[in-house]
C-alpha cells in the first residue's frame, strides 16, 4: 500500500534583521520566545535579528541598553531548531548590525575643537 502523504521536508529558515520597532504581531511572538525574560524592554531595542521558518518566527537575537550603557543581549530559539547553526547566524547578524550602529555617521557634519 502506498503512502499518499507528502514526504517530510525540512523547512527553509531565513535569518534577517529585525525592523525596529517590531510590528505588534512580531512583538507578541518575541514575548512568547523570551518568556523566561519577562522584563525584556521591546520598546528599547537597539538591534535584532530573527529566524523565520514557514512564515513563523522561530528564534531571535536581541540587543537592548543595559546597565552603565553596556548593551545586553538575549538569544532564544525554539528547541526543535537548536544545534543547526541558526544560533550562530542570529548572533552573527546581530553583531554585524550593532557594529554598524556603533560606527560614527559620516553623512552628518561633525565639528572638532582645535
PDB file of N, CA and C in Angstrom:
ATOM      1  N   UNK A   1       0.843  -1.169   0.000  1.00  0.00           N
ATOM      2  CA  UNK A   1       0.000   0.000   0.000  1.00  0.00           C
ATOM      3  C   UNK A   1       0.890   1.235   0.000  1.00  0.00           C
ATOM      4  N   UNK A   2       0.582   2.181  -0.875  1.00  0.00           N
ATOM      5  CA  UNK A   2       1.379   3.393  -0.976  1.00  0.00           C
ATOM      6  C   UNK A   2       0.892   4.441   0.005  1.00  0.00           C
ATOM      7  N   UNK A   3       1.826   5.158   0.572  1.00  0.00           N
ATOM      8  CA  UNK A   3       1.502   6.255   1.476  1.00  0.00           C
ATOM      9  C   UNK A   3       1.254   7.497   0.631  1.00  0.00           C
ATOM     10  N   UNK A   4       0.070   8.092   0.736  1.00  0.00           N
ATOM     11  CA  UNK A   4      -0.265   9.250  -0.087  1.00  0.00           C
ATOM     12  C   UNK A   4       0.155  10.573   0.534  1.00  0.00           C
ATOM     13  N   UNK A   5       0.675  10.551   1.743  1.00  0.00           N
ATOM     14  CA  UNK A   5       1.100  11.803   2.373  1.00  0.00           C
ATOM     15  C   UNK A   5       2.433  12.251   1.780  1.00  0.00           C
ATOM     16  N   UNK A   6       2.619  13.569   1.652  1.00  0.00           N
ATOM     17  CA  UNK A   6       3.869  14.067   1.093  1.00  0.00           C
ATOM     18  C   UNK A   6       5.037  13.768   2.024  1.00  0.00           C
ATOM     19  N   UNK A   7       6.229  13.638   1.466  1.00  0.00           N
ATOM     20  CA  UNK A   7       7.388  13.370   2.321  1.00  0.00           C
ATOM     21  C   UNK A   7       7.655  14.552   3.250  1.00  0.00           C
ATOM     22  N   UNK A   8       8.221  14.251   4.386  1.00  0.00           N
ATOM     23  CA  UNK A   8       8.565  15.293   5.348  1.00  0.00           C
ATOM     24  C   UNK A   8       9.822  16.012   4.874  1.00  0.00           C
ATOM     25  N   UNK A   9       9.668  17.283   4.545  1.00  0.00           N
ATOM     26  CA  UNK A   9      10.793  18.080   4.069  1.00  0.00           C
ATOM     27  C   UNK A   9      11.204  19.074   5.142  1.00  0.00           C
ATOM     28  N   UNK A  10      12.486  19.334   5.274  1.00  0.00           N
ATOM     29  CA  UNK A  10      12.902  20.351   6.244  1.00  0.00           C
ATOM     30  C   UNK A  10      12.440  21.728   5.782  1.00  0.00           C
ATOM     31  N   UNK A  11      12.003  22.510   6.709  1.00  0.00           N
ATOM     32  CA  UNK A  11      11.561  23.874   6.391  1.00  0.00           C
ATOM     33  C   UNK A  11      12.765  24.737   6.064  1.00  0.00           C
ATOM     34  N   UNK A  12      12.555  25.709   5.246  1.00  0.00           N
ATOM     35  CA  UNK A  12      13.618  26.665   4.939  1.00  0.00           C
ATOM     36  C   UNK A  12      13.629  27.719   6.036  1.00  0.00           C
ATOM     37  N   UNK A  13      14.795  28.064   6.460  1.00  0.00           N
ATOM     38  CA  UNK A  13      14.955  29.057   7.520  1.00  0.00           C
ATOM     39  C   UNK A  13      15.616  30.288   6.924  1.00  0.00           C
ATOM     40  N   UNK A  14      15.029  31.442   7.214  1.00  0.00           N
ATOM     41  CA  UNK A  14      15.585  32.711   6.761  1.00  0.00           C
ATOM     42  C   UNK A  14      15.934  33.527   7.999  1.00  0.00           C
ATOM     43  N   UNK A  15      17.135  34.068   8.014  1.00  0.00           N
ATOM     44  CA  UNK A  15      17.577  34.918   9.118  1.00  0.00           C
ATOM     45  C   UNK A  15      17.734  36.326   8.562  1.00  0.00           C
ATOM     46  N   UNK A  16      17.099  37.292   9.226  1.00  0.00           N
ATOM     47  CA  UNK A  16      17.168  38.668   8.741  1.00  0.00           C
ATOM     48  C   UNK A  16      17.134  39.651   9.902  1.00  0.00           C
ATOM     49  N   UNK A  17      17.496  40.897   9.590  1.00  0.00           N
ATOM     50  CA  UNK A  17      17.458  41.957  10.599  1.00  0.00           C
ATOM     51  C   UNK A  17      16.008  42.231  10.988  1.00  0.00           C
ATOM     52  N   UNK A  18      15.829  42.569  12.233  1.00  0.00           N
ATOM     53  CA  UNK A  18      14.508  42.894  12.747  1.00  0.00           C
ATOM     54  C   UNK A  18      14.277  44.388  12.576  1.00  0.00           C
ATOM     55  N   UNK A  19      13.265  44.793  11.801  1.00  0.00           N
ATOM     56  CA  UNK A  19      12.971  46.225  11.704  1.00  0.00           C
ATOM     57  C   UNK A  19      12.502  46.745  13.060  1.00  0.00           C
ATOM     58  N   UNK A  20      13.008  47.898  13.437  1.00  0.00           N
ATOM     59  CA  UNK A  20      12.633  48.488  14.724  1.00  0.00           C
ATOM     60  C   UNK A  20      11.746  49.701  14.498  1.00  0.00           C
ATOM     61  N   UNK A  21      10.726  49.863  15.283  1.00  0.00           N
ATOM     62  CA  UNK A  21      10.226  48.931  16.300  1.00  0.00           C
ATOM     63  C   UNK A  21       9.537  47.742  15.631  1.00  0.00           C
ATOM     64  N   UNK A  22       9.525  46.603  16.307  1.00  0.00           N
ATOM     65  CA  UNK A  22       8.875  45.423  15.727  1.00  0.00           C
ATOM     66  C   UNK A  22       7.363  45.630  15.586  1.00  0.00           C
ATOM     67  N   UNK A  23       6.797  45.021  14.581  1.00  0.00           N
ATOM     68  CA  UNK A  23       5.346  45.056  14.388  1.00  0.00           C
ATOM     69  C   UNK A  23       4.663  44.379  15.579  1.00  0.00           C
ATOM     70  N   UNK A  24       3.411  44.743  15.869  1.00  0.00           N
ATOM     71  CA  UNK A  24       2.720  44.156  17.026  1.00  0.00           C
ATOM     72  C   UNK A  24       2.695  42.624  17.032  1.00  0.00           C
ATOM     73  N   UNK A  25       2.471  41.999  15.887  1.00  0.00           N
ATOM     74  CA  UNK A  25       2.444  40.528  15.846  1.00  0.00           C
ATOM     75  C   UNK A  25       3.818  39.951  16.166  1.00  0.00           C
ATOM     76  N   UNK A  26       4.867  40.611  15.709  1.00  0.00           N
ATOM     77  CA  UNK A  26       6.233  40.152  15.991  1.00  0.00           C
ATOM     78  C   UNK A  26       6.548  40.367  17.468  1.00  0.00           C
ATOM     79  N   UNK A  27       6.114  41.495  18.027  1.00  0.00           N
ATOM     80  CA  UNK A  27       6.325  41.740  19.459  1.00  0.00           C
ATOM     81  C   UNK A  27       5.690  40.634  20.296  1.00  0.00           C
ATOM     82  N   UNK A  28       4.490  40.237  19.925  1.00  0.00           N
ATOM     83  CA  UNK A  28       3.806  39.169  20.659  1.00  0.00           C
ATOM     84  C   UNK A  28       4.604  37.869  20.589  1.00  0.00           C
ATOM     85  N   UNK A  29       5.133  37.554  19.413  1.00  0.00           N
ATOM     86  CA  UNK A  29       5.930  36.329  19.251  1.00  0.00           C
ATOM     87  C   UNK A  29       7.227  36.417  20.055  1.00  0.00           C
ATOM     88  N   UNK A  30       7.856  37.608  20.059  1.00  0.00           N
ATOM     89  CA  UNK A  30       9.090  37.784  20.832  1.00  0.00           C
ATOM     90  C   UNK A  30       8.821  37.613  22.322  1.00  0.00           C
ATOM     91  N   UNK A  31       7.690  38.121  22.795  1.00  0.00           N
ATOM     92  CA  UNK A  31       7.334  37.944  24.209  1.00  0.00           C
ATOM     93  C   UNK A  31       7.179  36.463  24.546  1.00  0.00           C
ATOM     94  N   UNK A  32       6.626  35.697  23.608  1.00  0.00           N
ATOM     95  CA  UNK A  32       6.475  34.256  23.823  1.00  0.00           C
ATOM     96  C   UNK A  32       7.836  33.568  23.848  1.00  0.00           C
ATOM     97  N   UNK A  33       8.680  33.892  22.874  1.00  0.00           N
ATOM     98  CA  UNK A  33      10.013  33.277  22.816  1.00  0.00           C
ATOM     99  C   UNK A  33      10.847  33.616  24.044  1.00  0.00           C
ATOM    100  N   UNK A  34      10.765  34.869  24.488  1.00  0.00           N
ATOM    101  CA  UNK A  34      11.583  35.346  25.603  1.00  0.00           C
ATOM    102  C   UNK A  34      10.791  35.349  26.911  1.00  0.00           C
ATOM    103  N   UNK A  35       9.893  34.392  27.084  1.00  0.00           N
ATOM    104  CA  UNK A  35       9.055  34.327  28.286  1.00  0.00           C
ATOM    105  C   UNK A  35       9.884  34.208  29.558  1.00  0.00           C
ATOM    106  N   UNK A  36      11.078  33.633  29.467  1.00  0.00           N
ATOM    107  CA  UNK A  36      11.943  33.489  30.641  1.00  0.00           C
ATOM    108  C   UNK A  36      12.558  34.826  31.053  1.00  0.00           C
ATOM    109  N   UNK A  37      12.434  35.838  30.200  1.00  0.00           N
ATOM    110  CA  UNK A  37      12.948  37.179  30.499  1.00  0.00           C
ATOM    111  C   UNK A  37      11.775  38.155  30.474  1.00  0.00           C
ATOM    112  N   UNK A  38      10.945  38.149  31.525  1.00  0.00           N
ATOM    113  CA  UNK A  38       9.716  38.944  31.497  1.00  0.00           C
ATOM    114  C   UNK A  38       9.941  40.453  31.410  1.00  0.00           C
ATOM    115  N   UNK A  39      11.098  40.936  31.769  1.00  0.00           N
ATOM    116  CA  UNK A  39      11.357  42.371  31.726  1.00  0.00           C
ATOM    117  C   UNK A  39      11.990  42.839  30.430  1.00  0.00           C
ATOM    118  N   UNK A  40      11.923  42.038  29.384  1.00  0.00           N
ATOM    119  CA  UNK A  40      12.545  42.381  28.117  1.00  0.00           C
ATOM    120  C   UNK A  40      11.961  43.691  27.587  1.00  0.00           C
ATOM    121  N   UNK A  41      12.803  44.724  27.437  1.00  0.00           N
ATOM    122  CA  UNK A  41      12.303  46.040  27.016  1.00  0.00           C
ATOM    123  C   UNK A  41      12.167  46.151  25.490  1.00  0.00           C
ATOM    124  N   UNK A  42      11.101  45.593  24.929  1.00  0.00           N
ATOM    125  CA  UNK A  42      10.923  45.608  23.479  1.00  0.00           C
ATOM    126  C   UNK A  42      10.878  47.023  22.915  1.00  0.00           C
ATOM    127  N   UNK A  43      10.429  47.976  23.708  1.00  0.00           N
ATOM    128  CA  UNK A  43      10.359  49.358  23.220  1.00  0.00           C
ATOM    129  C   UNK A  43      11.733  50.020  23.167  1.00  0.00           C
ATOM    130  N   UNK A  44      12.746  49.407  23.773  1.00  0.00           N
ATOM    131  CA  UNK A  44      14.086  49.998  23.817  1.00  0.00           C
ATOM    132  C   UNK A  44      15.115  49.206  23.019  1.00  0.00           C
ATOM    133  N   UNK A  45      14.678  48.321  22.145  1.00  0.00           N
ATOM    134  CA  UNK A  45      15.626  47.503  21.391  1.00  0.00           C
ATOM    135  C   UNK A  45      16.571  48.372  20.573  1.00  0.00           C
ATOM    136  N   UNK A  46      17.836  47.988  20.588  1.00  0.00           N
ATOM    137  CA  UNK A  46      18.865  48.678  19.806  1.00  0.00           C
ATOM    138  C   UNK A  46      19.090  47.974  18.474  1.00  0.00           C
ATOM    139  N   UNK A  47      18.932  46.669  18.454  1.00  0.00           N
ATOM    140  CA  UNK A  47      19.142  45.868  17.249  1.00  0.00           C
ATOM    141  C   UNK A  47      18.495  44.510  17.468  1.00  0.00           C
ATOM    142  N   UNK A  48      18.243  43.824  16.373  1.00  0.00           N
ATOM    143  CA  UNK A  48      17.660  42.498  16.479  1.00  0.00           C
ATOM    144  C   UNK A  48      17.787  41.727  15.182  1.00  0.00           C
ATOM    145  N   UNK A  49      17.753  40.420  15.314  1.00  0.00           N
ATOM    146  CA  UNK A  49      17.754  39.516  14.167  1.00  0.00           C
ATOM    147  C   UNK A  49      16.738  38.424  14.469  1.00  0.00           C
ATOM    148  N   UNK A  50      16.011  38.005  13.446  1.00  0.00           N
ATOM    149  CA  UNK A  50      15.007  36.963  13.629  1.00  0.00           C
ATOM    150  C   UNK A  50      15.238  35.832  12.640  1.00  0.00           C
ATOM    151  N   UNK A  51      14.866  34.628  13.063  1.00  0.00           N
ATOM    152  CA  UNK A  51      14.881  33.458  12.192  1.00  0.00           C
ATOM    153  C   UNK A  51      13.427  33.092  11.929  1.00  0.00           C
ATOM    154  N   UNK A  52      13.098  32.928  10.649  1.00  0.00           N
ATOM    155  CA  UNK A  52      11.726  32.639  10.249  1.00  0.00           C
ATOM    156  C   UNK A  52      11.711  31.338   9.452  1.00  0.00           C
ATOM    157  N   UNK A  53      10.781  30.458   9.795  1.00  0.00           N
ATOM    158  CA  UNK A  53      10.583  29.205   9.056  1.00  0.00           C
ATOM    159  C   UNK A  53       9.088  29.020   8.847  1.00  0.00           C
ATOM    160  N   UNK A  54       8.693  28.812   7.627  1.00  0.00           N
ATOM    161  CA  UNK A  54       7.279  28.608   7.341  1.00  0.00           C
ATOM    162  C   UNK A  54       6.411  29.784   7.727  1.00  0.00           C
ATOM    163  N   UNK A  55       6.950  30.995   7.658  1.00  0.00           N
ATOM    164  CA  UNK A  55       6.193  32.190   7.999  1.00  0.00           C
ATOM    165  C   UNK A  55       6.090  32.471   9.486  1.00  0.00           C
ATOM    166  N   UNK A  56       6.766  31.688  10.305  1.00  0.00           N
ATOM    167  CA  UNK A  56       6.702  31.843  11.764  1.00  0.00           C
ATOM    168  C   UNK A  56       8.079  32.187  12.310  1.00  0.00           C
ATOM    169  N   UNK A  57       8.122  33.151  13.233  1.00  0.00           N
ATOM    170  CA  UNK A  57       9.379  33.487  13.907  1.00  0.00           C
ATOM    171  C   UNK A  57       9.710  32.337  14.853  1.00  0.00           C
ATOM    172  N   UNK A  58      10.846  31.680  14.588  1.00  0.00           N
ATOM    173  CA  UNK A  58      11.244  30.527  15.410  1.00  0.00           C
ATOM    174  C   UNK A  58      12.381  30.865  16.361  1.00  0.00           C
ATOM    175  N   UNK A  59      12.978  32.051  16.178  1.00  0.00           N
ATOM    176  CA  UNK A  59      14.080  32.438  17.042  1.00  0.00           C
ATOM    177  C   UNK A  59      14.446  33.890  16.832  1.00  0.00           C
ATOM    178  N   UNK A  60      15.174  34.432  17.798  1.00  0.00           N
ATOM    179  CA  UNK A  60      15.592  35.826  17.705  1.00  0.00           C
ATOM    180  C   UNK A  60      16.806  36.074  18.583  1.00  0.00           C
ATOM    181  N   UNK A  61      17.612  37.020  18.148  1.00  0.00           N
ATOM    182  CA  UNK A  61      18.706  37.557  18.954  1.00  0.00           C
ATOM    183  C   UNK A  61      18.436  39.049  19.065  1.00  0.00           C
ATOM    184  N   UNK A  62      18.421  39.557  20.286  1.00  0.00           N
ATOM    185  CA  UNK A  62      18.061  40.951  20.527  1.00  0.00           C
ATOM    186  C   UNK A  62      19.120  41.644  21.361  1.00  0.00           C
ATOM    187  N   UNK A  63      19.197  42.953  21.203  1.00  0.00           N
ATOM    188  CA  UNK A  63      20.113  43.772  21.996  1.00  0.00           C
ATOM    189  C   UNK A  63      19.349  44.995  22.488  1.00  0.00           C
ATOM    190  N   UNK A  64      19.552  45.331  23.770  1.00  0.00           N
ATOM    191  CA  UNK A  64      18.897  46.488  24.369  1.00  0.00           C
ATOM    192  C   UNK A  64      19.860  47.124  25.349  1.00  0.00           C
ATOM    193  N   UNK A  65      19.619  48.394  25.724  1.00  0.00           N
ATOM    194  CA  UNK A  65      20.533  49.064  26.647  1.00  0.00           C
ATOM    195  C   UNK A  65      20.512  48.402  28.020  1.00  0.00           C
ATOM    196  N   UNK A  66      21.696  48.193  28.552  1.00  0.00           N
ATOM    197  CA  UNK A  66      21.816  47.602  29.875  1.00  0.00           C
ATOM    198  C   UNK A  66      22.388  48.606  30.858  1.00  0.00           C
ATOM    199  N   UNK A  67      22.858  48.095  31.959  1.00  0.00           N
ATOM    200  CA  UNK A  67      23.452  48.937  32.992  1.00  0.00           C
ATOM    201  C   UNK A  67      24.712  49.603  32.464  1.00  0.00           C
ATOM    202  N   UNK A  68      24.924  50.819  32.869  1.00  0.00           N
ATOM    203  CA  UNK A  68      26.119  51.589  32.516  1.00  0.00           C
ATOM    204  C   UNK A  68      26.319  51.717  31.012  1.00  0.00           C
ATOM    205  N   UNK A  69      25.229  51.707  30.254  1.00  0.00           N
ATOM    206  CA  UNK A  69      25.318  51.900  28.818  1.00  0.00           C
ATOM    207  C   UNK A  69      25.815  50.711  28.025  1.00  0.00           C
ATOM    208  N   UNK A  70      26.121  49.614  28.702  1.00  0.00           N
ATOM    209  CA  UNK A  70      26.585  48.418  28.006  1.00  0.00           C
ATOM    210  C   UNK A  70      25.381  47.661  27.452  1.00  0.00           C
ATOM    211  N   UNK A  71      25.432  47.295  26.174  1.00  0.00           N
ATOM    212  CA  UNK A  71      24.291  46.566  25.619  1.00  0.00           C
ATOM    213  C   UNK A  71      24.155  45.170  26.218  1.00  0.00           C
ATOM    214  N   UNK A  72      22.924  44.771  26.429  1.00  0.00           N
ATOM    215  CA  UNK A  72      22.622  43.412  26.864  1.00  0.00           C
ATOM    216  C   UNK A  72      22.101  42.662  25.656  1.00  0.00           C
ATOM    217  N   UNK A  73      22.357  41.363  25.621  1.00  0.00           N
ATOM    218  CA  UNK A  73      21.902  40.533  24.515  1.00  0.00           C
ATOM    219  C   UNK A  73      21.100  39.363  25.036  1.00  0.00           C
ATOM    220  N   UNK A  74      20.181  38.947  24.211  1.00  0.00           N
ATOM    221  CA  UNK A  74      19.408  37.750  24.506  1.00  0.00           C
ATOM    222  C   UNK A  74      19.215  36.949  23.237  1.00  0.00           C
ATOM    223  N   UNK A  75      19.213  35.642  23.363  1.00  0.00           N
ATOM    224  CA  UNK A  75      19.007  34.751  22.227  1.00  0.00           C
ATOM    225  C   UNK A  75      18.038  33.664  22.645  1.00  0.00           C
ATOM    226  N   UNK A  76      17.008  33.470  21.858  1.00  0.00           N
ATOM    227  CA  UNK A  76      16.055  32.385  22.101  1.00  0.00           C
ATOM    228  C   UNK A  76      15.741  31.722  20.771  1.00  0.00           C
ATOM    229  N   UNK A  77      15.608  30.403  20.810  1.00  0.00           N
ATOM    230  CA  UNK A  77      15.302  29.617  19.624  1.00  0.00           C
ATOM    231  C   UNK A  77      14.436  28.444  20.049  1.00  0.00           C
ATOM    232  N   UNK A  78      13.392  28.160  19.274  1.00  0.00           N
ATOM    233  CA  UNK A  78      12.557  27.003  19.588  1.00  0.00           C
ATOM    234  C   UNK A  78      13.439  25.764  19.683  1.00  0.00           C
ATOM    235  N   UNK A  79      13.145  24.912  20.641  1.00  0.00           N
ATOM    236  CA  UNK A  79      14.026  23.776  20.932  1.00  0.00           C
ATOM    237  C   UNK A  79      14.241  22.847  19.741  1.00  0.00           C
ATOM    238  N   UNK A  80      13.271  22.658  18.903  1.00  0.00           N
ATOM    239  CA  UNK A  80      13.414  21.763  17.762  1.00  0.00           C
ATOM    240  C   UNK A  80      14.377  22.257  16.697  1.00  0.00           C
ATOM    241  N   UNK A  81      14.756  23.514  16.766  1.00  0.00           N
ATOM    242  CA  UNK A  81      15.653  24.108  15.768  1.00  0.00           C
ATOM    243  C   UNK A  81      17.074  24.278  16.283  1.00  0.00           C
ATOM    244  N   UNK A  82      17.322  23.946  17.527  1.00  0.00           N
ATOM    245  CA  UNK A  82      18.655  24.164  18.109  1.00  0.00           C
ATOM    246  C   UNK A  82      19.689  23.230  17.502  1.00  0.00           C
ATOM    247  N   UNK A  83      20.934  23.699  17.479  1.00  0.00           N
ATOM    248  CA  UNK A  83      22.034  22.882  17.007  1.00  0.00           C
ATOM    249  C   UNK A  83      22.137  22.762  15.498  1.00  0.00           C
ATOM    250  N   UNK A  84      21.499  23.655  14.763  1.00  0.00           N
ATOM    251  CA  UNK A  84      21.543  23.613  13.299  1.00  0.00           C
ATOM    252  C   UNK A  84      22.246  24.827  12.707  1.00  0.00           C
ATOM    253  N   UNK A  85      22.954  25.580  13.547  1.00  0.00           N
ATOM    254  CA  UNK A  85      23.677  26.749  13.060  1.00  0.00           C
ATOM    255  C   UNK A  85      22.859  28.026  13.046  1.00  0.00           C
ATOM    256  N   UNK A  86      21.605  27.944  13.465  1.00  0.00           N
ATOM    257  CA  UNK A  86      20.742  29.125  13.448  1.00  0.00           C
ATOM    258  C   UNK A  86      21.177  30.118  14.515  1.00  0.00           C
ATOM    259  N   UNK A  87      21.576  29.610  15.681  1.00  0.00           N
ATOM    260  CA  UNK A  87      22.031  30.494  16.756  1.00  0.00           C
ATOM    261  C   UNK A  87      23.202  31.350  16.295  1.00  0.00           C
ATOM    262  N   UNK A  88      24.163  30.713  15.635  1.00  0.00           N
ATOM    263  CA  UNK A  88      25.342  31.437  15.163  1.00  0.00           C
ATOM    264  C   UNK A  88      24.961  32.478  14.119  1.00  0.00           C
ATOM    265  N   UNK A  89      24.032  32.130  13.237  1.00  0.00           N
ATOM    266  CA  UNK A  89      23.593  33.074  12.209  1.00  0.00           C
ATOM    267  C   UNK A  89      22.894  34.278  12.831  1.00  0.00           C
ATOM    268  N   UNK A  90      22.058  34.032  13.837  1.00  0.00           N
ATOM    269  CA  UNK A  90      21.371  35.133  14.516  1.00  0.00           C
ATOM    270  C   UNK A  90      22.365  36.056  15.210  1.00  0.00           C
ATOM    271  N   UNK A  91      23.289  35.467  15.978  1.00  0.00           N
ATOM    272  CA  UNK A  91      24.281  36.283  16.687  1.00  0.00           C
ATOM    273  C   UNK A  91      25.205  37.008  15.719  1.00  0.00           C
ATOM    274  N   UNK A  92      25.566  36.351  14.617  1.00  0.00           N
ATOM    275  CA  UNK A  92      26.418  36.994  13.625  1.00  0.00           C
ATOM    276  C   UNK A  92      25.760  38.215  13.020  1.00  0.00           C
ATOM    277  N   UNK A  93      24.484  38.104  12.692  1.00  0.00           N
ATOM    278  CA  UNK A  93      23.763  39.240  12.124  1.00  0.00           C
ATOM    279  C   UNK A  93      23.562  40.325  13.165  1.00  0.00           C
ATOM    280  N   UNK A  94      23.276  39.949  14.393  1.00  0.00           N
ATOM    281  CA  UNK A  94      23.104  40.935  15.460  1.00  0.00           C
ATOM    282  C   UNK A  94      24.403  41.687  15.700  1.00  0.00           C
ATOM    283  N   UNK A  95      25.522  40.981  15.746  1.00  0.00           N
ATOM    284  CA  UNK A  95      26.823  41.614  15.961  1.00  0.00           C
ATOM    285  C   UNK A  95      27.151  42.565  14.821  1.00  0.00           C
ATOM    286  N   UNK A  96      26.895  42.140  13.585  1.00  0.00           N
ATOM    287  CA  UNK A  96      27.134  43.000  12.431  1.00  0.00           C
ATOM    288  C   UNK A  96      26.269  44.238  12.506  1.00  0.00           C
ATOM    289  N   UNK A  97      24.994  44.058  12.842  1.00  0.00           N
ATOM    290  CA  UNK A  97      24.063  45.175  12.931  1.00  0.00           C
ATOM    291  C   UNK A  97      24.497  46.153  14.011  1.00  0.00           C
ATOM    292  N   UNK A  98      24.938  45.643  15.156  1.00  0.00           N
ATOM    293  CA  UNK A  98      25.366  46.523  16.239  1.00  0.00           C
ATOM    294  C   UNK A  98      26.632  47.280  15.880  1.00  0.00           C
ATOM    295  N   UNK A  99      27.579  46.630  15.227  1.00  0.00           N
ATOM    296  CA  UNK A  99      28.822  47.319  14.883  1.00  0.00           C
ATOM    297  C   UNK A  99      28.553  48.416  13.866  1.00  0.00           C
ATOM    298  N   UNK A 100      27.584  48.217  12.979  1.00  0.00           N
ATOM    299  CA  UNK A 100      27.214  49.270  12.036  1.00  0.00           C
ATOM    300  C   UNK A 100      26.605  50.439  12.790  1.00  0.00           C
ATOM    301  N   UNK A 101      25.731  50.140  13.758  1.00  0.00           N
ATOM    302  CA  UNK A 101      25.080  51.199  14.523  1.00  0.00           C
ATOM    303  C   UNK A 101      26.053  51.965  15.397  1.00  0.00           C
ATOM    304  N   UNK A 102      27.157  51.338  15.797  1.00  0.00           N
ATOM    305  CA  UNK A 102      28.117  51.997  16.674  1.00  0.00           C
ATOM    306  C   UNK A 102      29.137  52.826  15.911  1.00  0.00           C
ATOM    307  N   UNK A 103      29.192  52.684  14.576  1.00  0.00           N
ATOM    308  CA  UNK A 103      30.136  53.459  13.778  1.00  0.00           C
ATOM    309  C   UNK A 103      29.698  54.916  13.763  1.00  0.00           C
ATOM    310  N   UNK A 104      30.647  55.853  13.787  1.00  0.00           N
ATOM    311  CA  UNK A 104      30.263  57.249  13.660  1.00  0.00           C
ATOM    312  C   UNK A 104      29.660  57.485  12.282  1.00  0.00           C
ATOM    313  N   UNK A 105      28.618  58.278  12.250  1.00  0.00           N
ATOM    314  CA  UNK A 105      27.954  58.556  10.982  1.00  0.00           C
ATOM    315  C   UNK A 105      28.776  59.547  10.186  1.00  0.00           C
ATOM    316  N   UNK A 106      28.985  59.251   8.922  1.00  0.00           N
ATOM    317  CA  UNK A 106      29.777  60.135   8.066  1.00  0.00           C
ATOM    318  C   UNK A 106      28.899  61.014   7.200  1.00  0.00           C
ATOM    319  N   UNK A 107      27.583  60.798   7.232  1.00  0.00           N
ATOM    320  CA  UNK A 107      26.699  61.605   6.401  1.00  0.00           C
ATOM    321  C   UNK A 107      26.241  62.875   7.102  1.00  0.00           C
ATOM    322  N   UNK A 108      26.662  63.073   8.339  1.00  0.00           N
ATOM    323  CA  UNK A 108      26.304  64.283   9.058  1.00  0.00           C
ATOM    324  C   UNK A 108      27.574  65.052   9.386  1.00  0.00           C
ATOM    325  N   UNK A 109      27.498  66.377   9.309  1.00  0.00           N
ATOM    326  CA  UNK A 109      28.695  67.165   9.613  1.00  0.00           C
ATOM    327  C   UNK A 109      29.114  66.991  11.067  1.00  0.00           C
ATOM    328  N   UNK A 110      30.396  66.975  11.279  1.00  0.00           N
ATOM    329  CA  UNK A 110      30.927  66.881  12.635  1.00  0.00           C
ATOM    330  C   UNK A 110      31.809  68.090  12.883  1.00  0.00           C
ATOM    331  N   UNK A 111      31.924  68.450  14.118  1.00  0.00           N
ATOM    332  CA  UNK A 111      32.802  69.567  14.470  1.00  0.00           C
ATOM    333  C   UNK A 111      33.843  69.071  15.443  1.00  0.00           C
ATOM    334  N   UNK A 112      35.011  69.585  15.311  1.00  0.00           N
ATOM    335  CA  UNK A 112      36.096  69.231  16.217  1.00  0.00           C
ATOM    336  C   UNK A 112      36.666  70.505  16.804  1.00  0.00           C
ATOM    337  N   UNK A 113      36.994  70.442  18.054  1.00  0.00           N
ATOM    338  CA  UNK A 113      37.618  71.586  18.695  1.00  0.00           C
ATOM    339  C   UNK A 113      39.114  71.503  18.463  1.00  0.00           C
ATOM    340  N   UNK A 114      39.690  72.570  17.939  1.00  0.00           N
ATOM    341  CA  UNK A 114      41.125  72.584  17.651  1.00  0.00           C
ATOM    342  C   UNK A 114      41.906  73.217  18.765  1.00  0.00           C
TER     343      UNK A 114
END
